[in-house]
Structure formats: C-alpha cells, structure tokens
Amino acid sequence: MFLKKILYYLNPLNLFHRDPEADVNLRMMHGVNKISILLFLICMIVLAVRWLTK
C-alpha cells in the first residue's frame, strides 16, 4: 500500500489533479508530501551517483 501511494504521488497525471471534495489543508498536505518524496528520491540518486563514482 505504501509503494502504491508513492507511485500515485509521482504519477505526472496526478501531479496537478485536484480532488473536488478535499479541503485546502488536505491539498496542501498532499502537495508537501509530493515535494518531500521527490526531494528524497533526488537525494538518493545523488548519493548513489557519488558512491559509484568514487
């Protein structure tokens, strides 16, 4: 279920999709979650590249 939610957040089709029933706080929370997951993945890629090039 956790991986399914991450893949849903990272899907470009869902990136700017708005749920009409969600309130502002829930939309903001989902936006922050998307940003933090993307940043985490970018940092993991940078660390892997640095480790492989040493």
C-alpha atoms as a PDB file:
ATOM      1  CA  MET A   1       0.000   0.000   0.000  1.00  0.00           C
ATOM      2  CA  PHE A   2       2.901   2.372   0.794  1.00  0.00           C
ATOM      3  CA  LEU A   3       4.511   1.805  -2.603  1.00  0.00           C
ATOM      4  CA  LYS A   4       1.142   2.254  -4.313  1.00  0.00           C
ATOM      5  CA  LYS A   5       0.701   5.659  -2.642  1.00  0.00           C
ATOM      6  CA  ILE A   6       4.225   6.764  -3.646  1.00  0.00           C
ATOM      7  CA  LEU A   7       3.616   5.740  -7.252  1.00  0.00           C
ATOM      8  CA  TYR A   8       0.304   7.639  -7.183  1.00  0.00           C
ATOM      9  CA  TYR A   9       2.104  10.781  -5.924  1.00  0.00           C
ATOM     10  CA  LEU A  10       4.836  10.504  -8.561  1.00  0.00           C
ATOM     11  CA  ASN A  11       2.464   9.930 -11.472  1.00  0.00           C
ATOM     12  CA  PRO A  12       2.666  13.049 -13.685  1.00  0.00           C
ATOM     13  CA  LEU A  13      -1.043  12.775 -14.484  1.00  0.00           C
ATOM     14  CA  ASN A  14      -1.910  13.127 -10.787  1.00  0.00           C
ATOM     15  CA  LEU A  15       0.615  15.850 -10.050  1.00  0.00           C
ATOM     16  CA  PHE A  16      -1.799  18.743 -10.593  1.00  0.00           C
ATOM     17  CA  HIS A  17      -5.033  16.787 -10.164  1.00  0.00           C
ATOM     18  CA  ARG A  18      -7.412  18.342  -7.662  1.00  0.00           C
ATOM     19  CA  ASP A  19      -9.895  16.374  -5.638  1.00  0.00           C
ATOM     20  CA  PRO A  20     -13.075  18.496  -5.544  1.00  0.00           C
ATOM     21  CA  GLU A  21     -14.089  17.043  -2.170  1.00  0.00           C
ATOM     22  CA  ALA A  22     -10.739  17.746  -0.441  1.00  0.00           C
ATOM     23  CA  ASP A  23     -10.356  20.871   1.627  1.00  0.00           C
ATOM     24  CA  VAL A  24      -7.411  23.269   1.399  1.00  0.00           C
ATOM     25  CA  ASN A  25      -5.480  21.711   4.288  1.00  0.00           C
ATOM     26  CA  LEU A  26      -5.636  18.233   2.770  1.00  0.00           C
ATOM     27  CA  ARG A  27      -4.499  19.527  -0.630  1.00  0.00           C
ATOM     28  CA  MET A  28      -1.578  21.365   0.973  1.00  0.00           C
ATOM     29  CA  MET A  29      -0.583  18.245   2.907  1.00  0.00           C
ATOM     30  CA  HIS A  30      -0.585  16.171  -0.279  1.00  0.00           C
ATOM     31  CA  GLY A  31       1.472  18.845  -2.031  1.00  0.00           C
ATOM     32  CA  VAL A  32       4.079  18.835   0.721  1.00  0.00           C
ATOM     33  CA  ASN A  33       4.160  15.015   0.617  1.00  0.00           C
ATOM     34  CA  LYS A  34       4.804  15.080  -3.135  1.00  0.00           C
ATOM     35  CA  ILE A  35       7.632  17.587  -2.752  1.00  0.00           C
ATOM     36  CA  SER A  36       9.268  15.651   0.084  1.00  0.00           C
ATOM     37  CA  ILE A  37       9.098  12.317  -1.767  1.00  0.00           C
ATOM     38  CA  LEU A  38      10.591  13.853  -4.909  1.00  0.00           C
ATOM     39  CA  LEU A  39      13.372  15.506  -2.911  1.00  0.00           C
ATOM     40  CA  PHE A  40      14.131  12.248  -1.109  1.00  0.00           C
ATOM     41  CA  LEU A  41      14.374  10.343  -4.390  1.00  0.00           C
ATOM     42  CA  ILE A  42      16.616  13.010  -5.937  1.00  0.00           C
ATOM     43  CA  CYS A  43      18.921  12.909  -2.905  1.00  0.00           C
ATOM     44  CA  MET A  44      19.101   9.107  -3.036  1.00  0.00           C
ATOM     45  CA  ILE A  45      20.066   9.279  -6.720  1.00  0.00           C
ATOM     46  CA  VAL A  46      22.753  11.890  -5.996  1.00  0.00           C
ATOM     47  CA  LEU A  47      24.161   9.764  -3.167  1.00  0.00           C
ATOM     48  CA  ALA A  48      24.189   6.652  -5.358  1.00  0.00           C
ATOM     49  CA  VAL A  49      25.975   8.505  -8.170  1.00  0.00           C
ATOM     50  CA  ARG A  50      28.574   9.905  -5.759  1.00  0.00           C
ATOM     51  CA  TRP A  51      29.135   6.462  -4.245  1.00  0.00           C
ATOM     52  CA  LEU A  52      29.503   4.802  -7.654  1.00  0.00           C
ATOM     53  CA  THR A  53      31.952   7.410  -8.967  1.00  0.00           C
ATOM     54  CA  LYS A  54      34.380   7.096  -6.034  1.00  0.00           C
END
